[in-house]
Amino acid sequence: IRVSIAEQKLFYTDSNGLETVYSISTAKNGAGE
């Protein structure tokens, strides 16, 4: 899985290399650890 905070999308790549894209919502406060 790759999550793009900038795009607000989650990309799931399966074992065959096929990608499924989901619209998501990450933190209102942005990125940080």
ModelCIF file with pLDDT and N, C-alpha, C, O atoms, coordinates in Angstrom:
data_MODEL
#
_entry.id   MODEL 
#
_entity.id                         1 
_entity.type                       polymer 
_entity.pdbx_number_of_molecules   1 
#
_entity_poly.entity_id                      1 
_entity_poly.type                           'polypeptide(L)' 
_entity_poly.nstd_linkage                   no 
_entity_poly.nstd_monomer                   no 
_entity_poly.pdbx_seq_one_letter_code       IRVSIAEQKLFYTDSNGLETVYSISTAKNGAGE 
_entity_poly.pdbx_seq_one_letter_code_can   IRVSIAEQKLFYTDSNGLETVYSISTAKNGAGE 
_entity_poly.pdbx_strand_id                 A 
#
loop_
_entity_poly_seq.entity_id 
_entity_poly_seq.num 
_entity_poly_seq.mon_id 
_entity_poly_seq.hetero 
1 1  ILE n 
1 2  ARG n 
1 3  VAL n 
1 4  SER n 
1 5  ILE n 
1 6  ALA n 
1 7  GLU n 
1 8  GLN n 
1 9  LYS n 
1 10 LEU n 
1 11 PHE n 
1 12 TYR n 
1 13 THR n 
1 14 ASP n 
1 15 SER n 
1 16 ASN n 
1 17 GLY n 
1 18 LEU n 
1 19 GLU n 
1 20 THR n 
1 21 VAL n 
1 22 TYR n 
1 23 SER n 
1 24 ILE n 
1 25 SER n 
1 26 THR n 
1 27 ALA n 
1 28 LYS n 
1 29 ASN n 
1 30 GLY n 
1 31 ALA n 
1 32 GLY n 
1 33 GLU n 
#
_struct_asym.id          A 
_struct_asym.entity_id   1 
#
loop_
_ma_qa_metric.id 
_ma_qa_metric.mode 
_ma_qa_metric.name 
_ma_qa_metric.software_group_id 
_ma_qa_metric.type 
1 global pLDDT . pLDDT 
2 local  pLDDT . pLDDT 
#
_ma_qa_metric_global.metric_id      1 
_ma_qa_metric_global.metric_value   96.76 
_ma_qa_metric_global.model_id       1 
_ma_qa_metric_global.ordinal_id     1 
#
loop_
_ma_qa_metric_local.label_asym_id 
_ma_qa_metric_local.label_comp_id 
_ma_qa_metric_local.label_seq_id 
_ma_qa_metric_local.metric_id 
_ma_qa_metric_local.metric_value 
_ma_qa_metric_local.model_id 
_ma_qa_metric_local.ordinal_id 
A ILE 1  2 98.00 1 1  
A ARG 2  2 98.00 1 2  
A VAL 3  2 98.00 1 3  
A SER 4  2 98.00 1 4  
A ILE 5  2 98.00 1 5  
A ALA 6  2 98.00 1 6  
A GLU 7  2 98.00 1 7  
A GLN 8  2 98.00 1 8  
A LYS 9  2 98.00 1 9  
A LEU 10 2 98.00 1 10 
A PHE 11 2 98.00 1 11 
A TYR 12 2 98.00 1 12 
A THR 13 2 96.00 1 13 
A ASP 14 2 94.00 1 14 
A SER 15 2 91.00 1 15 
A ASN 16 2 90.00 1 16 
A GLY 17 2 91.00 1 17 
A LEU 18 2 93.00 1 18 
A GLU 19 2 95.00 1 19 
A THR 20 2 97.00 1 20 
A VAL 21 2 98.00 1 21 
A TYR 22 2 98.00 1 22 
A SER 23 2 98.00 1 23 
A ILE 24 2 98.00 1 24 
A SER 25 2 98.00 1 25 
A THR 26 2 98.00 1 26 
A ALA 27 2 98.00 1 27 
A LYS 28 2 97.00 1 28 
A ASN 29 2 98.00 1 29 
A GLY 30 2 97.00 1 30 
A ALA 31 2 98.00 1 31 
A GLY 32 2 97.00 1 32 
A GLU 33 2 97.00 1 33 
#
loop_
_atom_site.group_PDB 
_atom_site.id 
_atom_site.type_symbol 
_atom_site.label_atom_id 
_atom_site.label_alt_id 
_atom_site.label_comp_id 
_atom_site.label_asym_id 
_atom_site.label_entity_id 
_atom_site.label_seq_id 
_atom_site.pdbx_PDB_ins_code 
_atom_site.Cartn_x 
_atom_site.Cartn_y 
_atom_site.Cartn_z 
_atom_site.occupancy 
_atom_site.B_iso_or_equiv 
_atom_site.pdbx_formal_charge 
_atom_site.auth_seq_id 
_atom_site.auth_comp_id 
_atom_site.auth_asym_id 
_atom_site.auth_atom_id 
_atom_site.pdbx_PDB_model_num 
ATOM 1   N N  . ILE A 1 1  ? 0.860   -1.178  0.000   1.00 98.00 ? 1  ILE A N  1 
ATOM 2   C CA . ILE A 1 1  ? 0.000   0.000   0.000   1.00 98.00 ? 1  ILE A CA 1 
ATOM 3   C C  . ILE A 1 1  ? 0.894   1.225   0.000   1.00 98.00 ? 1  ILE A C  1 
ATOM 4   O O  . ILE A 1 1  ? 1.894   1.284   0.716   1.00 98.00 ? 1  ILE A O  1 
ATOM 5   N N  . ARG A 1 2  ? 0.516   2.210   -0.821  1.00 98.00 ? 2  ARG A N  1 
ATOM 6   C CA . ARG A 1 2  ? 1.159   3.526   -0.780  1.00 98.00 ? 2  ARG A CA 1 
ATOM 7   C C  . ARG A 1 2  ? 0.072   4.552   -0.517  1.00 98.00 ? 2  ARG A C  1 
ATOM 8   O O  . ARG A 1 2  ? -0.947  4.584   -1.206  1.00 98.00 ? 2  ARG A O  1 
ATOM 9   N N  . VAL A 1 3  ? 0.295   5.385   0.481   1.00 98.00 ? 3  VAL A N  1 
ATOM 10  C CA . VAL A 1 3  ? -0.636  6.453   0.825   1.00 98.00 ? 3  VAL A CA 1 
ATOM 11  C C  . VAL A 1 3  ? 0.006   7.779   0.423   1.00 98.00 ? 3  VAL A C  1 
ATOM 12  O O  . VAL A 1 3  ? 1.111   8.105   0.855   1.00 98.00 ? 3  VAL A O  1 
ATOM 13  N N  . SER A 1 4  ? -0.703  8.533   -0.409  1.00 98.00 ? 4  SER A N  1 
ATOM 14  C CA . SER A 1 4  ? -0.234  9.857   -0.796  1.00 98.00 ? 4  SER A CA 1 
ATOM 15  C C  . SER A 1 4  ? -1.031  10.897  -0.017  1.00 98.00 ? 4  SER A C  1 
ATOM 16  O O  . SER A 1 4  ? -2.223  11.092  -0.253  1.00 98.00 ? 4  SER A O  1 
ATOM 17  N N  . ILE A 1 5  ? -0.355  11.559  0.913   1.00 98.00 ? 5  ILE A N  1 
ATOM 18  C CA . ILE A 1 5  ? -1.001  12.626  1.684   1.00 98.00 ? 5  ILE A CA 1 
ATOM 19  C C  . ILE A 1 5  ? -1.356  13.786  0.756   1.00 98.00 ? 5  ILE A C  1 
ATOM 20  O O  . ILE A 1 5  ? -2.434  14.369  0.880   1.00 98.00 ? 5  ILE A O  1 
ATOM 21  N N  . ALA A 1 6  ? -0.465  14.123  -0.165  1.00 98.00 ? 6  ALA A N  1 
ATOM 22  C CA . ALA A 1 6  ? -0.699  15.247  -1.085  1.00 98.00 ? 6  ALA A CA 1 
ATOM 23  C C  . ALA A 1 6  ? -1.917  15.012  -1.976  1.00 98.00 ? 6  ALA A C  1 
ATOM 24  O O  . ALA A 1 6  ? -2.696  15.931  -2.229  1.00 98.00 ? 6  ALA A O  1 
ATOM 25  N N  . GLU A 1 7  ? -2.074  13.769  -2.452  1.00 98.00 ? 7  GLU A N  1 
ATOM 26  C CA . GLU A 1 7  ? -3.185  13.446  -3.353  1.00 98.00 ? 7  GLU A CA 1 
ATOM 27  C C  . GLU A 1 7  ? -4.439  12.992  -2.609  1.00 98.00 ? 7  GLU A C  1 
ATOM 28  O O  . GLU A 1 7  ? -5.515  12.920  -3.203  1.00 98.00 ? 7  GLU A O  1 
ATOM 29  N N  . GLN A 1 8  ? -4.313  12.683  -1.305  1.00 98.00 ? 8  GLN A N  1 
ATOM 30  C CA . GLN A 1 8  ? -5.419  12.127  -0.527  1.00 98.00 ? 8  GLN A CA 1 
ATOM 31  C C  . GLN A 1 8  ? -5.933  10.851  -1.198  1.00 98.00 ? 8  GLN A C  1 
ATOM 32  O O  . GLN A 1 8  ? -7.133  10.681  -1.418  1.00 98.00 ? 8  GLN A O  1 
ATOM 33  N N  . LYS A 1 9  ? -4.990  9.965   -1.515  1.00 98.00 ? 9  LYS A N  1 
ATOM 34  C CA . LYS A 1 9  ? -5.317  8.696   -2.155  1.00 98.00 ? 9  LYS A CA 1 
ATOM 35  C C  . LYS A 1 9  ? -4.501  7.566   -1.534  1.00 98.00 ? 9  LYS A C  1 
ATOM 36  O O  . LYS A 1 9  ? -3.367  7.759   -1.096  1.00 98.00 ? 9  LYS A O  1 
ATOM 37  N N  . LEU A 1 10 ? -5.110  6.386   -1.510  1.00 98.00 ? 10 LEU A N  1 
ATOM 38  C CA . LEU A 1 10 ? -4.438  5.160   -1.096  1.00 98.00 ? 10 LEU A CA 1 
ATOM 39  C C  . LEU A 1 10 ? -4.368  4.269   -2.322  1.00 98.00 ? 10 LEU A C  1 
ATOM 40  O O  . LEU A 1 10 ? -5.375  4.032   -2.989  1.00 98.00 ? 10 LEU A O  1 
ATOM 41  N N  . PHE A 1 11 ? -3.172  3.776   -2.613  1.00 98.00 ? 11 PHE A N  1 
ATOM 42  C CA . PHE A 1 11 ? -2.927  2.912   -3.762  1.00 98.00 ? 11 PHE A CA 1 
ATOM 43  C C  . PHE A 1 11 ? -2.581  1.519   -3.243  1.00 98.00 ? 11 PHE A C  1 
ATOM 44  O O  . PHE A 1 11 ? -1.571  1.340   -2.564  1.00 98.00 ? 11 PHE A O  1 
ATOM 45  N N  . TYR A 1 12 ? -3.419  0.534   -3.562  1.00 98.00 ? 12 TYR A N  1 
ATOM 46  C CA . TYR A 1 12 ? -3.126  -0.855  -3.187  1.00 98.00 ? 12 TYR A CA 1 
ATOM 47  C C  . TYR A 1 12 ? -2.657  -1.581  -4.439  1.00 98.00 ? 12 TYR A C  1 
ATOM 48  O O  . TYR A 1 12 ? -3.375  -1.635  -5.437  1.00 98.00 ? 12 TYR A O  1 
ATOM 49  N N  . THR A 1 13 ? -1.458  -2.136  -4.386  1.00 96.00 ? 13 THR A N  1 
ATOM 50  C CA . THR A 1 13 ? -0.918  -2.907  -5.496  1.00 96.00 ? 13 THR A CA 1 
ATOM 51  C C  . THR A 1 13 ? -0.888  -4.368  -5.065  1.00 96.00 ? 13 THR A C  1 
ATOM 52  O O  . THR A 1 13 ? -0.256  -4.716  -4.067  1.00 96.00 ? 13 THR A O  1 
ATOM 53  N N  . ASP A 1 14 ? -1.580  -5.226  -5.825  1.00 94.00 ? 14 ASP A N  1 
ATOM 54  C CA . ASP A 1 14 ? -1.661  -6.647  -5.461  1.00 94.00 ? 14 ASP A CA 1 
ATOM 55  C C  . ASP A 1 14 ? -0.443  -7.412  -5.977  1.00 94.00 ? 14 ASP A C  1 
ATOM 56  O O  . ASP A 1 14 ? 0.449   -6.826  -6.589  1.00 94.00 ? 14 ASP A O  1 
ATOM 57  N N  . SER A 1 15 ? -0.412  -8.711  -5.730  1.00 91.00 ? 15 SER A N  1 
ATOM 58  C CA . SER A 1 15 ? 0.747   -9.538  -6.072  1.00 91.00 ? 15 SER A CA 1 
ATOM 59  C C  . SER A 1 15 ? 0.955   -9.671  -7.576  1.00 91.00 ? 15 SER A C  1 
ATOM 60  O O  . SER A 1 15 ? 2.022   -10.109 -8.006  1.00 91.00 ? 15 SER A O  1 
ATOM 61  N N  . ASN A 1 16 ? -0.039  -9.303  -8.390  1.00 90.00 ? 16 ASN A N  1 
ATOM 62  C CA . ASN A 1 16 ? 0.094   -9.304  -9.846  1.00 90.00 ? 16 ASN A CA 1 
ATOM 63  C C  . ASN A 1 16 ? 0.487   -7.933  -10.389 1.00 90.00 ? 16 ASN A C  1 
ATOM 64  O O  . ASN A 1 16 ? 0.615   -7.751  -11.599 1.00 90.00 ? 16 ASN A O  1 
ATOM 65  N N  . GLY A 1 17 ? 0.677   -6.965  -9.481  1.00 91.00 ? 17 GLY A N  1 
ATOM 66  C CA . GLY A 1 17 ? 1.037   -5.622  -9.899  1.00 91.00 ? 17 GLY A CA 1 
ATOM 67  C C  . GLY A 1 17 ? -0.152  -4.758  -10.283 1.00 91.00 ? 17 GLY A C  1 
ATOM 68  O O  . GLY A 1 17 ? 0.022   -3.638  -10.764 1.00 91.00 ? 17 GLY A O  1 
ATOM 69  N N  . LEU A 1 18 ? -1.372  -5.275  -10.073 1.00 93.00 ? 18 LEU A N  1 
ATOM 70  C CA . LEU A 1 18 ? -2.577  -4.503  -10.390 1.00 93.00 ? 18 LEU A CA 1 
ATOM 71  C C  . LEU A 1 18 ? -2.863  -3.526  -9.257  1.00 93.00 ? 18 LEU A C  1 
ATOM 72  O O  . LEU A 1 18 ? -2.814  -3.885  -8.080  1.00 93.00 ? 18 LEU A O  1 
ATOM 73  N N  . GLU A 1 19 ? -3.161  -2.295  -9.630  1.00 95.00 ? 19 GLU A N  1 
ATOM 74  C CA . GLU A 1 19 ? -3.354  -1.233  -8.639  1.00 95.00 ? 19 GLU A CA 1 
ATOM 75  C C  . GLU A 1 19 ? -4.826  -0.860  -8.508  1.00 95.00 ? 19 GLU A C  1 
ATOM 76  O O  . GLU A 1 19 ? -5.536  -0.709  -9.502  1.00 95.00 ? 19 GLU A O  1 
ATOM 77  N N  . THR A 1 20 ? -5.272  -0.714  -7.251  1.00 97.00 ? 20 THR A N  1 
ATOM 78  C CA . THR A 1 20 ? -6.592  -0.182  -6.944  1.00 97.00 ? 20 THR A CA 1 
ATOM 79  C C  . THR A 1 20 ? -6.375  1.126   -6.194  1.00 97.00 ? 20 THR A C  1 
ATOM 80  O O  . THR A 1 20 ? -5.551  1.193   -5.282  1.00 97.00 ? 20 THR A O  1 
ATOM 81  N N  . VAL A 1 21 ? -7.110  2.160   -6.573  1.00 98.00 ? 21 VAL A N  1 
ATOM 82  C CA . VAL A 1 21 ? -6.936  3.489   -5.981  1.00 98.00 ? 21 VAL A CA 1 
ATOM 83  C C  . VAL A 1 21 ? -8.195  3.853   -5.199  1.00 98.00 ? 21 VAL A C  1 
ATOM 84  O O  . VAL A 1 21 ? -9.314  3.706   -5.693  1.00 98.00 ? 21 VAL A O  1 
ATOM 85  N N  . TYR A 1 22 ? -7.992  4.330   -3.970  1.00 98.00 ? 22 TYR A N  1 
ATOM 86  C CA . TYR A 1 22 ? -9.096  4.745   -3.106  1.00 98.00 ? 22 TYR A CA 1 
ATOM 87  C C  . TYR A 1 22 ? -8.895  6.197   -2.705  1.00 98.00 ? 22 TYR A C  1 
ATOM 88  O O  . TYR A 1 22 ? -7.772  6.621   -2.432  1.00 98.00 ? 22 TYR A O  1 
ATOM 89  N N  . SER A 1 23 ? -9.974  6.954   -2.669  1.00 98.00 ? 23 SER A N  1 
ATOM 90  C CA . SER A 1 23 ? -9.952  8.303   -2.113  1.00 98.00 ? 23 SER A CA 1 
ATOM 91  C C  . SER A 1 23 ? -10.003 8.166   -0.591  1.00 98.00 ? 23 SER A C  1 
ATOM 92  O O  . SER A 1 23 ? -10.779 7.369   -0.062  1.00 98.00 ? 23 SER A O  1 
ATOM 93  N N  . ILE A 1 24 ? -9.178  8.941   0.108   1.00 98.00 ? 24 ILE A N  1 
ATOM 94  C CA . ILE A 1 24 ? -9.055  8.828   1.564   1.00 98.00 ? 24 ILE A CA 1 
ATOM 95  C C  . ILE A 1 24 ? -9.084  10.215  2.191   1.00 98.00 ? 24 ILE A C  1 
ATOM 96  O O  . ILE A 1 24 ? -9.187  11.230  1.503   1.00 98.00 ? 24 ILE A O  1 
ATOM 97  N N  . SER A 1 25 ? -8.988  10.226  3.520   1.00 98.00 ? 25 SER A N  1 
ATOM 98  C CA . SER A 1 25 ? -8.827  11.467  4.267   1.00 98.00 ? 25 SER A CA 1 
ATOM 99  C C  . SER A 1 25 ? -7.753  11.242  5.326   1.00 98.00 ? 25 SER A C  1 
ATOM 100 O O  . SER A 1 25 ? -7.890  10.377  6.192   1.00 98.00 ? 25 SER A O  1 
ATOM 101 N N  . THR A 1 26 ? -6.687  12.028  5.246   1.00 98.00 ? 26 THR A N  1 
ATOM 102 C CA . THR A 1 26 ? -5.624  11.957  6.254   1.00 98.00 ? 26 THR A CA 1 
ATOM 103 C C  . THR A 1 26 ? -5.801  13.134  7.224   1.00 98.00 ? 26 THR A C  1 
ATOM 104 O O  . THR A 1 26 ? -6.860  13.762  7.251   1.00 98.00 ? 26 THR A O  1 
ATOM 105 N N  . ALA A 1 27 ? -4.786  13.425  8.003   1.00 98.00 ? 27 ALA A N  1 
ATOM 106 C CA . ALA A 1 27 ? -4.900  14.390  9.099   1.00 98.00 ? 27 ALA A CA 1 
ATOM 107 C C  . ALA A 1 27 ? -5.139  15.827  8.671   1.00 98.00 ? 27 ALA A C  1 
ATOM 108 O O  . ALA A 1 27 ? -4.500  16.350  7.758   1.00 98.00 ? 27 ALA A O  1 
ATOM 109 N N  . LYS A 1 28 ? -6.075  16.438  9.358   1.00 97.00 ? 28 LYS A N  1 
ATOM 110 C CA . LYS A 1 28 ? -6.358  17.871  9.183   1.00 97.00 ? 28 LYS A CA 1 
ATOM 111 C C  . LYS A 1 28 ? -5.103  18.698  9.483   1.00 97.00 ? 28 LYS A C  1 
ATOM 112 O O  . LYS A 1 28 ? -4.887  19.749  8.881   1.00 97.00 ? 28 LYS A O  1 
ATOM 113 N N  . ASN A 1 29 ? -4.273  18.208  10.430  1.00 98.00 ? 29 ASN A N  1 
ATOM 114 C CA . ASN A 1 29 ? -3.054  18.923  10.827  1.00 98.00 ? 29 ASN A CA 1 
ATOM 115 C C  . ASN A 1 29 ? -1.865  18.644  9.912   1.00 98.00 ? 29 ASN A C  1 
ATOM 116 O O  . ASN A 1 29 ? -0.763  19.126  10.174  1.00 98.00 ? 29 ASN A O  1 
ATOM 117 N N  . GLY A 1 30 ? -2.069  17.873  8.840   1.00 97.00 ? 30 GLY A N  1 
ATOM 118 C CA . GLY A 1 30 ? -0.989  17.601  7.896   1.00 97.00 ? 30 GLY A CA 1 
ATOM 119 C C  . GLY A 1 30 ? -0.140  16.410  8.295   1.00 97.00 ? 30 GLY A C  1 
ATOM 120 O O  . GLY A 1 30 ? -0.564  15.558  9.075   1.00 97.00 ? 30 GLY A O  1 
ATOM 121 N N  . ALA A 1 31 ? 1.056   16.365  7.752   1.00 98.00 ? 31 ALA A N  1 
ATOM 122 C CA . ALA A 1 31 ? 1.983   15.264  7.998   1.00 98.00 ? 31 ALA A CA 1 
ATOM 123 C C  . ALA A 1 31 ? 2.875   15.584  9.184   1.00 98.00 ? 31 ALA A C  1 
ATOM 124 O O  . ALA A 1 31 ? 3.285   16.729  9.377   1.00 98.00 ? 31 ALA A O  1 
ATOM 125 N N  . GLY A 1 32 ? 3.171   14.560  9.976   1.00 97.00 ? 32 GLY A N  1 
ATOM 126 C CA . GLY A 1 32 ? 4.065   14.719  11.123  1.00 97.00 ? 32 GLY A CA 1 
ATOM 127 C C  . GLY A 1 32 ? 4.065   13.476  11.979  1.00 97.00 ? 32 GLY A C  1 
ATOM 128 O O  . GLY A 1 32 ? 3.111   12.697  11.970  1.00 97.00 ? 32 GLY A O  1 
ATOM 129 N N  . GLU A 1 33 ? 5.125   13.298  12.707  1.00 97.00 ? 33 GLU A N  1 
ATOM 130 C CA . GLU A 1 33 ? 5.322   12.045  13.430  1.00 97.00 ? 33 GLU A CA 1 
ATOM 131 C C  . GLU A 1 33 ? 5.227   12.155  14.950  1.00 97.00 ? 33 GLU A C  1 
ATOM 132 O O  . GLU A 1 33 ? 5.378   11.156  15.653  1.00 97.00 ? 33 GLU A O  1 
#
